[in-house]
C-alpha atoms as a PDB file:
ATOM      1  CA  MET A   1      49.463 160.616 154.698  1.00  0.00           C
ATOM      2  CA  ILE A   2      46.526 162.688 153.477  1.00  0.00           C
ATOM      3  CA  LEU A   3      48.621 164.039 150.613  1.00  0.00           C
ATOM      4  CA  GLN A   4      49.665 160.529 149.673  1.00  0.00           C
ATOM      5  CA  SER A   5      46.018 159.400 149.642  1.00  0.00           C
ATOM      6  CA  ILE A   6      45.014 162.371 147.460  1.00  0.00           C
ATOM      7  CA  SER A   7      47.953 161.707 145.152  1.00  0.00           C
ATOM      8  CA  GLU A   8      46.995 158.036 144.777  1.00  0.00           C
ATOM      9  CA  LYS A   9      43.355 158.927 144.069  1.00  0.00           C
ATOM     10  CA  SER A  10      44.294 161.544 141.482  1.00  0.00           C
ATOM     11  CA  THR A  11      46.732 159.135 139.843  1.00  0.00           C
ATOM     12  CA  GLY A  12      43.984 156.518 139.651  1.00  0.00           C
ATOM     13  CA  ILE A  13      41.526 159.020 138.196  1.00  0.00           C
ATOM     14  CA  LEU A  14      44.065 160.190 135.620  1.00  0.00           C
ATOM     15  CA  ARG A  15      44.889 156.598 134.675  1.00  0.00           C
ATOM     16  CA  LYS A  16      41.200 155.785 134.170  1.00  0.00           C
ATOM     17  CA  TYR A  17      40.731 158.935 132.094  1.00  0.00           C
ATOM     18  CA  ARG A  18      43.802 158.147 129.966  1.00  0.00           C
ATOM     19  CA  ASP A  19      42.602 154.577 129.413  1.00  0.00           C
ATOM     20  CA  LYS A  20      39.171 155.842 128.390  1.00  0.00           C
ATOM     21  CA  VAL A  21      40.689 158.347 125.942  1.00  0.00           C
ATOM     22  CA  GLU A  22      42.929 155.661 124.433  1.00  0.00           C
ATOM     23  CA  LYS A  23      39.966 153.320 124.057  1.00  0.00           C
ATOM     24  CA  ASN A  24      37.920 156.043 122.343  1.00  0.00           C
ATOM     25  CA  GLN A  25      40.805 156.803 119.982  1.00  0.00           C
ATOM     26  CA  ALA A  26      41.152 153.119 119.114  1.00  0.00           C
ATOM     27  CA  GLU A  27      37.401 152.850 118.487  1.00  0.00           C
ATOM     28  CA  ARG A  28      37.466 155.936 116.250  1.00  0.00           C
ATOM     29  CA  ALA A  29      40.413 154.546 114.288  1.00  0.00           C
ATOM     30  CA  PHE A  30      38.596 151.223 113.862  1.00  0.00           C
ATOM     31  CA  LEU A  31      35.413 152.929 112.665  1.00  0.00           C
ATOM     32  CA  LYS A  32      37.384 155.115 110.266  1.00  0.00           C
ATOM     33  CA  LYS A  33      39.136 152.073 108.825  1.00  0.00           C
ATOM     34  CA  LYS A  34      35.827 150.199 108.569  1.00  0.00           C
ATOM     35  CA  ALA A  35      34.240 153.137 106.725  1.00  0.00           C
ATOM     36  CA  PHE A  36      37.210 153.212 104.337  1.00  0.00           C
ATOM     37  CA  PHE A  37      36.790 149.521 103.495  1.00  0.00           C
ATOM     38  CA  ARG A  38      33.050 149.833 103.014  1.00  0.00           C
ATOM     39  CA  GLU A  39      33.511 152.832 100.714  1.00  0.00           C
ATOM     40  CA  ALA A  40      36.242 151.019  98.770  1.00  0.00           C
ATOM     41  CA  LEU A  41      33.937 148.014  98.345  1.00  0.00           C
ATOM     42  CA  LYS A  42      31.102 150.267  97.241  1.00  0.00           C
ATOM     43  CA  GLN A  43      33.284 152.007  94.646  1.00  0.00           C
ATOM     44  CA  ALA A  44      34.758 148.722  93.422  1.00  0.00           C
ATOM     45  CA  LYS A  45      31.269 147.256  93.030  1.00  0.00           C
ATOM     46  CA  ALA A  46      30.145 150.323  91.064  1.00  0.00           C
ATOM     47  CA  ASP A  47      33.235 149.997  88.860  1.00  0.00           C
ATOM     48  CA  VAL A  48      32.475 146.333  88.134  1.00  0.00           C
ATOM     49  CA  LEU A  49      28.868 147.170  87.284  1.00  0.00           C
ATOM     50  CA  SER A  50      30.006 149.949  84.969  1.00  0.00           C
ATOM     51  CA  LYS A  51      32.587 147.756  83.229  1.00  0.00           C
ATOM     52  CA  ARG A  52      30.095 144.900  82.891  1.00  0.00           C
ATOM     53  CA  ASN A  53      27.500 147.227  81.374  1.00  0.00           C
ATOM     54  CA  HIS A  54      30.077 148.558  78.920  1.00  0.00           C
ATOM     55  CA  PHE A  55      31.119 144.987  78.026  1.00  0.00           C
ATOM     56  CA  GLU A  56      27.526 143.931  77.397  1.00  0.00           C
ATOM     57  CA  ASN A  57      26.879 146.883  75.096  1.00  0.00           C
ATOM     58  CA  VAL A  58      30.037 146.757  72.972  1.00  0.00           C
ATOM     59  CA  THR A  59      29.455 145.888  69.343  1.00  0.00           C
ATOM     60  CA  GLU A  60      32.934 146.319  67.879  1.00  0.00           C
ATOM     61  CA  GLU A  61      35.238 143.346  68.055  1.00  0.00           C
ATOM     62  CA  LYS A  62      38.346 145.479  68.615  1.00  0.00           C
ATOM     63  CA  LEU A  63      36.809 147.029  71.730  1.00  0.00           C
ATOM     64  CA  LEU A  64      35.699 143.682  73.107  1.00  0.00           C
ATOM     65  CA  ASN A  65      39.208 142.644  74.237  1.00  0.00           C
ATOM     66  CA  CYS A  66      39.656 145.962  76.018  1.00  0.00           C
ATOM     67  CA  CYS A  67      36.328 145.547  77.805  1.00  0.00           C
ATOM     68  CA  ILE A  68      37.219 142.009  78.858  1.00  0.00           C
ATOM     69  CA  LEU A  69      40.513 143.192  80.366  1.00  0.00           C
ATOM     70  CA  GLU A  70      38.870 146.134  82.147  1.00  0.00           C
ATOM     71  CA  LEU A  71      36.127 143.934  83.575  1.00  0.00           C
ATOM     72  CA  THR A  72      38.621 141.319  84.721  1.00  0.00           C
ATOM     73  CA  ALA A  73      40.729 143.992  86.420  1.00  0.00           C
ATOM     74  CA  ALA A  74      37.700 145.530  88.136  1.00  0.00           C
ATOM     75  CA  GLU A  75      36.551 142.127  89.415  1.00  0.00           C
ATOM     76  CA  ALA A  76      40.060 141.334  90.665  1.00  0.00           C
ATOM     77  CA  ARG A  77      40.179 144.681  92.509  1.00  0.00           C
ATOM     78  CA  LEU A  78      36.781 144.003  94.089  1.00  0.00           C
ATOM     79  CA  ASN A  79      37.799 140.495  95.194  1.00  0.00           C
ATOM     80  CA  TYR A  80      41.053 141.917  96.592  1.00  0.00           C
ATOM     81  CA  TYR A  81      39.162 144.481  98.695  1.00  0.00           C
ATOM     82  CA  ILE A  82      36.783 141.794  99.920  1.00  0.00           C
ATOM     83  CA  SER A  83      39.614 139.498 101.017  1.00  0.00           C
ATOM     84  CA  LEU A  84      41.515 142.372 102.642  1.00  0.00           C
ATOM     85  CA  ALA A  85      38.417 143.583 104.469  1.00  0.00           C
ATOM     86  CA  ARG A  86      37.781 140.065 105.772  1.00  0.00           C
ATOM     87  CA  LYS A  87      41.394 139.695 106.845  1.00  0.00           C
ATOM     88  CA  GLU A  88      41.202 142.960 108.796  1.00  0.00           C
ATOM     89  CA  ASN A  89      37.795 141.963 110.262  1.00  0.00           C
ATOM     90  CA  MET A  90      36.229 145.099 108.822  1.00  0.00           C
ATOM     91  CA  VAL A  91      33.264 143.326 107.240  1.00  0.00           C
ATOM     92  CA  ASN A  92      31.581 140.013 107.884  1.00  0.00           C
ATOM     93  CA  ASP A  93      29.936 137.549 105.544  1.00  0.00           C
ATOM     94  CA  GLU A  94      26.448 138.778 106.444  1.00  0.00           C
ATOM     95  CA  TYR A  95      27.376 142.288 105.308  1.00  0.00           C
ATOM     96  CA  LEU A  96      28.879 140.959 102.088  1.00  0.00           C
ATOM     97  CA  ASP A  97      25.834 138.787 101.418  1.00  0.00           C
ATOM     98  CA  TYR A  98      23.656 141.843 101.953  1.00  0.00           C
ATOM     99  CA  VAL A  99      25.693 144.019  99.593  1.00  0.00           C
ATOM    100  CA  PHE A 100      26.544 141.413  96.942  1.00  0.00           C
ATOM    101  CA  LYS A 101      24.724 138.528  95.380  1.00  0.00           C
ATOM    102  CA  ARG A 102      27.303 135.786  95.403  1.00  0.00           C
ATOM    103  CA  ASP A 103      27.976 133.119  92.828  1.00  0.00           C
ATOM    104  CA  SER A 104      29.409 129.812  93.977  1.00  0.00           C
ATOM    105  CA  TYR A 105      31.541 129.501  90.840  1.00  0.00           C
ATOM    106  CA  GLU A 106      35.163 129.919  91.960  1.00  0.00           C
ATOM    107  CA  GLY A 107      34.110 132.292  94.723  1.00  0.00           C
ATOM    108  CA  SER A 108      33.621 135.121  92.276  1.00  0.00           C
ATOM    109  CA  VAL A 109      31.272 137.948  93.072  1.00  0.00           C
ATOM    110  CA  ILE A 110      28.330 138.638  90.829  1.00  0.00           C
ATOM    111  CA  MET A 111      26.417 141.880  91.019  1.00  0.00           C
END
């Protein structure tokens, strides 16, 4: 009877410890994923700013089409990361409003 009581207590303690470890692992995975999305958004924003700056400073007509395509692709990538991050609940609108100035025109993001 004493051994059974000790066995039940140790099983309960081990179960609590295992649950706590699993919870910590899940939290770490969530934070790692959240950091990935935030870094991806940061890099995508920097890419859009770079492409926009290049577009604004181009003087040759032949380069203009290339700049337009690059800027469009960079903006599409940024909007994709934003929608994916929202879908995965990795960022909220307050964070996005803080990081980006938003334009109401077609939901596009303006830096």
